[in-house]
């Protein structure tokens, strides 16, 4: 049974209240989210149950919903194959209306030992890529992703080859802000919903340039939807990380900017307890890498601090060139984590997402 850390629900409610009050809305989580909290009992062979009141259903909400704007299915992995460490990303996003809006389908692979990197980005025709089947059912030229909260199959293509893996979520679900709901940019007119399966057993094959190797490792699957400002030209931006640490903690960290800046983290402990905490996500601008394709500059090192966890973390990308220029542009960088946590040494992995900086 998943537990709630003492005070976690109060912290989440206080943060939602402060965000809502800042926008002039009512100071209640239910009103801010526009729905009533429900108790999730999602379980499977590897998933724990929870009776924590949340705003999402981790199993049912994997399915596409035509009434939702800006739906995202996002998986990143750190795996081994052929004696090397690899990171890979597969991301499908439907922007605007699911049937009339535009979408993007992105895949990237990085050899974390050598820095070799490749990617595939496509813009599918409007209204394609998703179906009304239950669970994940995504079909594009570079991603085939099907299944449910118990087991999924993912086939992702890059110019040099394919990833063919089975994804089996286990353990506890991470609910952003403790409930699965948060006001993006601290503004209740942008109600966003996000949760993650942060521990996904991943196995299969990786084929590159004609060579096929067995894959073993872990993935982080993130599901999000909700309205956003019309374009990054409006001045909004964010940086986000999904930290998986050697002490078992898994953390979703947000830094958003749109008129004001908001920093916060949702921390999922190994025992299943979850807290919402103050955090800072600070780029090291002395390490900027400038894309020759878009001219945009991205930090390649960051510092993450979470005072409540006594966490001081250093995040460094495995290779500077990890921009996805055609589906953003944005930065999706596999990175290493080192530092201290609860006054003890810790290491880990993450992906850094930067949009609109």
Protein backbone atom coordinates (compact mmCIF):
# COMPACT_ATOMS: atom_id res chain seq x y z
CA UNK A 1 0.00 0.00 0.00
CA UNK A 2 1.38 3.38 -0.99
CA UNK A 3 1.83 5.78 1.91
CA UNK A 4 1.62 9.54 2.10
CA UNK A 5 4.41 11.32 3.92
CA UNK A 6 3.17 13.33 6.86
CA UNK A 7 2.44 16.81 5.60
CA UNK A 8 2.77 15.94 1.89
CA UNK A 9 -0.91 16.49 1.12
CA UNK A 10 -0.82 19.76 3.06
CA UNK A 11 2.23 20.91 1.13
CA UNK A 12 0.57 20.07 -2.18
CA UNK A 13 -2.64 21.84 -1.16
CA UNK A 14 -0.70 24.87 0.01
CA UNK A 15 1.21 25.08 -3.25
CA UNK A 16 -1.96 24.72 -5.31
CA UNK A 17 -3.62 27.34 -3.14
CA UNK A 18 -0.74 29.78 -3.52
CA UNK A 19 -0.64 29.27 -7.28
CA UNK A 20 -4.42 29.68 -7.55
CA UNK A 21 -4.52 32.78 -5.36
CA UNK A 22 -1.78 34.35 -7.46
CA UNK A 23 -4.09 34.10 -10.48
CA UNK A 24 -7.11 35.37 -8.58
CA UNK A 25 -8.93 32.04 -8.53
CA UNK A 26 -10.55 30.22 -5.62
CA UNK A 27 -8.17 28.62 -3.14
CA UNK A 28 -9.28 25.01 -3.50
CA UNK A 29 -7.52 22.18 -5.30
CA UNK A 30 -10.78 20.75 -6.64
CA UNK A 31 -11.91 24.03 -8.15
CA UNK A 32 -8.48 24.75 -9.54
CA UNK A 33 -8.32 21.39 -11.23
CA UNK A 34 -11.84 21.58 -12.55
CA UNK A 35 -12.66 18.06 -11.36
CA UNK A 36 -13.15 16.03 -8.23
CA UNK A 37 -10.32 14.01 -6.75
CA UNK A 38 -10.76 10.25 -6.95
CA UNK A 39 -9.03 7.39 -5.21
CA UNK A 40 -6.88 5.44 -7.63
CA UNK A 41 -6.57 1.69 -7.20
CA UNK A 42 -4.43 1.01 -10.24
CA UNK A 43 -2.57 -2.24 -9.95
CA UNK A 44 -0.98 -4.84 -12.15
CA UNK A 45 1.60 -7.59 -11.80
CA UNK A 46 4.24 -5.04 -10.89
CA UNK A 47 2.28 -1.98 -9.77
CA UNK A 48 1.43 -1.07 -6.18
CA UNK A 49 -2.05 0.04 -5.15
CA UNK A 50 -2.90 3.40 -3.62
CA UNK A 51 -5.96 4.88 -1.99
CA UNK A 52 -4.50 8.40 -2.09
CA UNK A 53 -7.02 10.90 -3.52
CA UNK A 54 -5.67 11.94 -6.92
CA UNK A 55 -6.93 13.66 -10.08
CA UNK A 56 -5.74 10.99 -12.54
CA UNK A 57 -6.22 7.29 -13.13
CA UNK A 58 -2.79 5.92 -14.16
CA UNK A 59 -4.22 3.00 -16.14
CA UNK A 60 -7.26 4.61 -17.78
CA UNK A 61 -5.48 7.89 -18.54
CA UNK A 62 -2.90 6.18 -20.73
CA UNK A 63 -5.62 6.22 -23.40
CA UNK A 64 -6.01 9.12 -25.79
CA UNK A 65 -8.90 11.45 -25.01
CA UNK A 66 -10.18 13.66 -27.86
CA UNK A 67 -11.49 16.22 -25.36
CA UNK A 68 -8.00 16.97 -24.00
CA UNK A 69 -5.60 19.53 -25.38
CA UNK A 70 -1.86 18.99 -25.69
CA UNK A 71 -1.56 15.30 -24.86
CA UNK A 72 1.92 13.86 -24.37
CA UNK A 73 3.26 10.31 -24.08
CA UNK A 74 6.94 10.40 -23.16
CA UNK A 75 9.40 7.66 -22.30
CA UNK A 76 13.12 7.93 -21.58
CA UNK A 77 15.45 5.08 -20.75
CA UNK A 78 18.91 4.31 -19.49
CA UNK A 79 19.86 0.81 -20.62
CA UNK A 80 22.83 -1.39 -21.49
CA UNK A 81 23.35 -3.02 -24.88
CA UNK A 82 26.42 -4.60 -26.45
CA UNK A 83 28.64 -3.59 -23.54
CA UNK A 84 27.67 0.09 -23.76
CA UNK A 85 25.32 2.37 -21.83
CA UNK A 86 22.60 3.97 -23.94
CA UNK A 87 19.89 6.52 -23.36
CA UNK A 88 16.85 6.67 -25.59
CA UNK A 89 13.74 8.79 -25.88
CA UNK A 90 10.40 8.21 -27.62
CA UNK A 91 7.87 11.04 -27.48
CA UNK A 92 4.53 11.57 -29.15
CA UNK A 93 2.65 14.80 -28.52
CA UNK A 94 -0.69 15.97 -29.89
CA UNK A 95 -0.95 19.76 -29.74
CA UNK A 96 -4.34 21.41 -29.67
CA UNK A 97 -7.38 19.35 -30.61
CA UNK A 98 -6.53 15.67 -31.06
CA UNK A 99 -8.32 15.50 -34.43
CA UNK A 100 -7.63 18.91 -35.92
CA UNK A 101 -4.40 20.01 -34.24
CA UNK A 102 -0.84 19.20 -35.11
CA UNK A 103 1.35 16.53 -33.58
CA UNK A 104 4.97 15.44 -33.43
CA UNK A 105 6.75 12.11 -33.09
CA UNK A 106 10.36 12.08 -31.88
CA UNK A 107 12.98 9.43 -31.18
CA UNK A 108 16.58 9.85 -30.06
CA UNK A 109 19.38 7.49 -29.03
CA UNK A 110 22.68 8.33 -27.36
CA UNK A 111 25.66 6.13 -26.54
CA UNK A 112 26.44 7.50 -23.09
CA UNK A 113 29.98 6.04 -23.20
CA UNK A 114 31.07 7.59 -26.50
CA UNK A 115 28.68 10.53 -26.96
CA UNK A 116 27.40 9.19 -30.31
CA UNK A 117 23.88 10.53 -30.93
CA UNK A 118 21.13 10.15 -33.49
CA UNK A 119 17.52 11.23 -33.81
CA UNK A 120 14.36 11.03 -35.87
CA UNK A 121 11.68 13.73 -35.93
CA UNK A 122 8.49 13.69 -37.93
CA UNK A 123 5.32 15.78 -38.07
CA UNK A 124 2.47 13.34 -38.82
CA UNK A 125 -0.57 14.46 -40.81
CA UNK A 126 -3.25 16.13 -38.68
CA UNK A 127 -5.50 13.69 -36.90
CA UNK A 128 -3.18 10.70 -37.28
CA UNK A 129 -1.02 8.74 -34.89
CA UNK A 130 -3.65 8.07 -32.20
CA UNK A 131 -6.65 5.78 -31.99
CA UNK A 132 -9.63 5.41 -29.68
CA UNK A 133 -8.41 2.07 -28.36
CA UNK A 134 -7.86 1.68 -24.63
CA UNK A 135 -4.31 2.06 -23.37
CA UNK A 136 -1.43 3.40 -25.41
CA UNK A 137 -2.02 3.01 -29.15
CA UNK A 138 0.36 5.21 -31.12
CA UNK A 139 1.34 4.51 -34.73
CA UNK A 140 3.60 6.88 -36.69
CA UNK A 141 6.40 6.42 -39.19
CA UNK A 142 8.98 6.26 -36.40
CA UNK A 143 7.02 5.06 -33.33
CA UNK A 144 4.75 2.07 -32.76
CA UNK A 145 3.73 2.02 -29.10
CA UNK A 146 0.91 -0.19 -27.80
CA UNK A 147 -0.22 -1.74 -24.53
CA UNK A 148 -1.50 -0.89 -21.08
CA UNK A 149 -0.29 -0.25 -17.54
CA UNK A 150 0.72 -3.89 -17.18
CA UNK A 151 2.84 -4.23 -20.35
CA UNK A 152 3.64 -2.18 -23.43
CA UNK A 153 5.50 -2.83 -26.67
CA UNK A 154 7.59 -0.04 -28.17
CA UNK A 155 9.26 -0.04 -31.58
CA UNK A 156 11.09 3.21 -32.34
CA UNK A 157 13.10 3.98 -35.46
CA UNK A 158 16.11 6.18 -36.21
CA UNK A 159 18.02 6.34 -39.52
CA UNK A 160 20.59 3.81 -38.27
CA UNK A 161 18.18 1.22 -36.90
CA UNK A 162 15.47 0.39 -34.37
CA UNK A 163 14.67 -0.05 -30.69
CA UNK A 164 12.34 -2.98 -29.97
CA UNK A 165 11.50 -3.24 -26.28
CA UNK A 166 8.89 -4.47 -23.83
CA UNK A 167 8.00 -2.02 -21.06
CA UNK A 168 6.67 -3.37 -17.75
CA UNK A 169 5.82 -0.71 -15.12
CA UNK A 170 6.25 -1.72 -11.49
CA UNK A 171 6.28 -0.13 -8.07
CA UNK A 172 4.62 3.17 -7.26
CA UNK A 173 3.18 5.86 -9.51
CA UNK A 174 4.56 9.40 -9.15
CA UNK A 175 1.72 11.94 -9.06
CA UNK A 176 3.00 15.43 -9.83
CA UNK A 177 2.15 17.85 -7.02
CA UNK A 178 0.99 14.81 -5.05
CA UNK A 179 -2.37 14.70 -6.85
CA UNK A 180 -1.50 14.51 -10.56
CA UNK A 181 -2.71 18.08 -11.09
CA UNK A 182 -0.80 21.37 -11.08
CA UNK A 183 -1.39 24.86 -12.48
CA UNK A 184 1.25 25.31 -15.20
CA UNK A 185 3.27 28.51 -14.72
CA UNK A 186 1.49 28.86 -11.37
CA UNK A 187 -1.63 29.99 -13.22
CA UNK A 188 -4.95 28.17 -12.78
CA UNK A 189 -6.04 28.99 -16.33
CA UNK A 190 -3.44 26.42 -17.47
CA UNK A 191 -4.58 23.31 -15.56
CA UNK A 192 -2.14 20.50 -16.35
CA UNK A 193 -2.23 16.87 -15.35
CA UNK A 194 0.91 14.75 -15.10
CA UNK A 195 1.90 11.43 -13.63
CA UNK A 196 4.70 8.94 -14.22
CA UNK A 197 5.61 5.32 -14.02
CA UNK A 198 9.20 6.08 -12.93
CA UNK A 199 10.27 2.42 -12.70
CA UNK A 200 9.65 0.52 -15.92
CA UNK A 201 11.56 -2.71 -16.53
CA UNK A 202 12.82 -2.52 -20.10
CA UNK A 203 14.07 -5.43 -22.22
CA UNK A 204 14.39 -6.22 -25.90
CA UNK A 205 16.82 -5.39 -28.68
CA UNK A 206 18.69 -2.43 -30.12
CA UNK A 207 19.71 -2.67 -33.78
CA UNK A 208 22.17 -0.09 -35.10
CA UNK A 209 23.93 -0.25 -38.45
CA UNK A 210 23.05 -3.91 -38.89
CA UNK A 211 24.17 -5.08 -35.43
CA UNK A 212 21.58 -6.29 -32.93
CA UNK A 213 22.23 -6.39 -29.19
CA UNK A 214 20.05 -7.32 -26.25
CA UNK A 215 18.77 -4.41 -24.15
CA UNK A 216 18.30 -4.37 -20.37
CA UNK A 217 17.55 -1.46 -18.11
CA UNK A 218 14.96 0.96 -16.77
CA UNK A 219 12.66 3.53 -18.32
CA UNK A 220 10.63 6.46 -17.00
CA UNK A 221 7.21 6.86 -18.62
CA UNK A 222 5.58 10.27 -18.28
CA UNK A 223 2.01 11.14 -19.23
CA UNK A 224 0.83 14.77 -19.36
CA UNK A 225 -1.97 16.89 -20.82
CA UNK A 226 -3.40 20.36 -20.40
CA UNK A 227 -3.64 23.82 -22.01
CA UNK A 228 -0.59 26.00 -22.66
CA UNK A 229 -0.05 29.51 -24.04
CA UNK A 230 -0.39 29.62 -27.81
CA UNK A 231 3.34 29.66 -28.60
CA UNK A 232 6.77 30.12 -27.05
CA UNK A 233 6.79 33.51 -28.74
CA UNK A 234 4.44 34.54 -25.94
CA UNK A 235 7.40 34.39 -23.55
CA UNK A 236 6.78 31.15 -21.67
CA UNK A 237 9.50 28.59 -21.09
CA UNK A 238 10.37 25.66 -18.87
CA UNK A 239 13.05 23.23 -17.81
CA UNK A 240 12.14 19.82 -16.43
CA UNK A 241 14.04 16.78 -15.17
CA UNK A 242 13.11 13.21 -14.21
CA UNK A 243 15.73 12.21 -11.65
CA UNK A 244 16.29 8.55 -10.77
CA UNK A 245 18.75 8.33 -7.88
CA UNK A 246 20.89 5.53 -6.50
CA UNK A 247 19.21 5.80 -3.08
CA UNK A 248 15.89 4.83 -4.69
CA UNK A 249 14.28 8.28 -4.72
CA UNK A 250 12.67 9.42 -7.99
CA UNK A 251 11.96 13.08 -8.56
CA UNK A 252 10.10 15.23 -11.06
CA UNK A 253 11.56 18.78 -11.00
CA UNK A 254 9.95 21.77 -12.71
CA UNK A 255 11.16 25.29 -13.42
CA UNK A 256 8.56 27.33 -15.32
CA UNK A 257 8.63 30.96 -16.46
CA UNK A 258 5.75 33.02 -17.76
CA UNK A 259 5.75 36.46 -16.22
CA UNK A 260 6.98 34.89 -12.99
CA UNK A 261 9.17 31.94 -12.11
CA UNK A 262 8.09 28.77 -10.29
CA UNK A 263 10.37 25.99 -9.01
CA UNK A 264 9.20 22.81 -7.29
CA UNK A 265 9.75 19.09 -7.07
CA UNK A 266 7.65 16.00 -6.47
CA UNK A 267 9.69 13.38 -4.60
CA UNK A 268 8.73 9.69 -4.64
CA UNK A 269 10.52 7.68 -1.96
CA UNK A 270 11.51 4.04 -2.26
CA UNK A 271 8.89 3.12 0.37
CA UNK A 272 6.13 4.70 -1.74
CA UNK A 273 5.71 7.90 0.26
CA UNK A 274 5.59 11.12 -1.73
CA UNK A 275 6.25 14.77 -0.93
CA UNK A 276 6.06 18.08 -2.73
CA UNK A 277 9.11 20.22 -2.00
CA UNK A 278 10.70 23.57 -2.70
CA UNK A 279 13.46 23.19 -5.28
CA UNK A 280 15.77 25.21 -7.48
CA UNK A 281 16.95 24.22 -10.91
CA UNK A 282 19.87 26.47 -11.85
CA UNK A 283 21.63 26.38 -15.24
CA UNK A 284 25.38 26.88 -15.50
CA UNK A 285 25.43 29.45 -18.29
CA UNK A 286 29.20 29.11 -18.61
CA UNK A 287 28.53 25.71 -20.24
CA UNK A 288 26.16 26.90 -22.98
CA UNK A 289 26.08 24.94 -26.21
CA UNK A 290 24.77 26.79 -29.27
CA UNK A 291 22.90 24.77 -31.87
CA UNK A 292 24.28 25.20 -35.39
CA UNK A 293 20.79 24.37 -36.70
CA UNK A 294 18.58 26.79 -34.76
CA UNK A 295 21.06 29.19 -33.14
CA UNK A 296 19.49 28.51 -29.74
CA UNK A 297 21.77 28.07 -26.72
CA UNK A 298 21.25 25.45 -24.03
CA UNK A 299 23.09 24.88 -20.73
CA UNK A 300 24.86 21.53 -20.54
CA UNK A 301 25.32 21.57 -16.76
CA UNK A 302 22.80 22.32 -14.04
CA UNK A 303 22.58 22.44 -10.27
CA UNK A 304 19.49 21.08 -8.52
CA UNK A 305 18.87 21.82 -4.86
CA UNK A 306 16.02 20.50 -2.71
CA UNK A 307 16.50 21.96 0.78
CA UNK A 308 13.91 19.72 2.42
CA UNK A 309 15.85 16.66 1.28
CA UNK A 310 19.28 18.21 1.93
CA UNK A 311 19.93 17.62 -1.77
CA UNK A 312 22.69 19.31 -3.75
CA UNK A 313 22.94 17.71 -7.17
CA UNK A 314 25.08 18.31 -10.24
CA UNK A 315 23.62 17.36 -13.62
CA UNK A 316 25.87 17.01 -16.70
CA UNK A 317 24.76 15.93 -20.17
CA UNK A 318 26.50 12.99 -21.85
CA UNK A 319 26.82 14.93 -25.11
CA UNK A 320 26.11 18.58 -25.88
CA UNK A 321 24.28 18.10 -29.18
CA UNK A 322 20.92 16.61 -28.08
CA UNK A 323 18.59 19.20 -29.59
CA UNK A 324 15.39 18.25 -31.40
CA UNK A 325 15.20 21.21 -33.79
CA UNK A 326 12.12 20.28 -35.81
CA UNK A 327 9.69 19.37 -33.01
CA UNK A 328 10.12 22.42 -30.81
CA UNK A 329 12.86 23.37 -31.07
CA UNK A 330 13.71 21.84 -27.71
CA UNK A 331 16.49 20.13 -25.83
CA UNK A 332 16.04 16.54 -24.62
CA UNK A 333 19.38 15.60 -23.08
CA UNK A 334 20.37 12.37 -21.36
CA UNK A 335 22.50 13.33 -18.35
CA UNK A 336 24.42 12.02 -15.34
CA UNK A 337 23.64 13.07 -11.78
CA UNK A 338 26.13 13.31 -8.91
CA UNK A 339 26.16 15.08 -5.56
CA UNK A 340 24.79 14.67 -2.05
CA UNK A 341 21.32 13.80 -0.79
CA UNK A 342 20.38 13.65 2.87
CA UNK A 343 24.06 14.44 3.53
CA UNK A 344 25.22 11.29 1.71
CA UNK A 345 26.84 10.80 -1.72
CA UNK A 346 24.40 9.93 -4.46
CA UNK A 347 24.44 9.40 -8.21
CA UNK A 348 21.80 8.88 -10.83
CA UNK A 349 20.44 9.58 -14.29
CA UNK A 350 17.97 11.98 -15.84
CA UNK A 351 16.78 13.59 -19.03
CA UNK A 352 16.78 17.39 -19.22
CA UNK A 353 13.96 18.97 -21.20
CA UNK A 354 14.34 22.64 -22.10
CA UNK A 355 11.68 24.51 -24.09
CA UNK A 356 11.51 28.17 -24.97
CA UNK A 357 14.62 29.30 -23.14
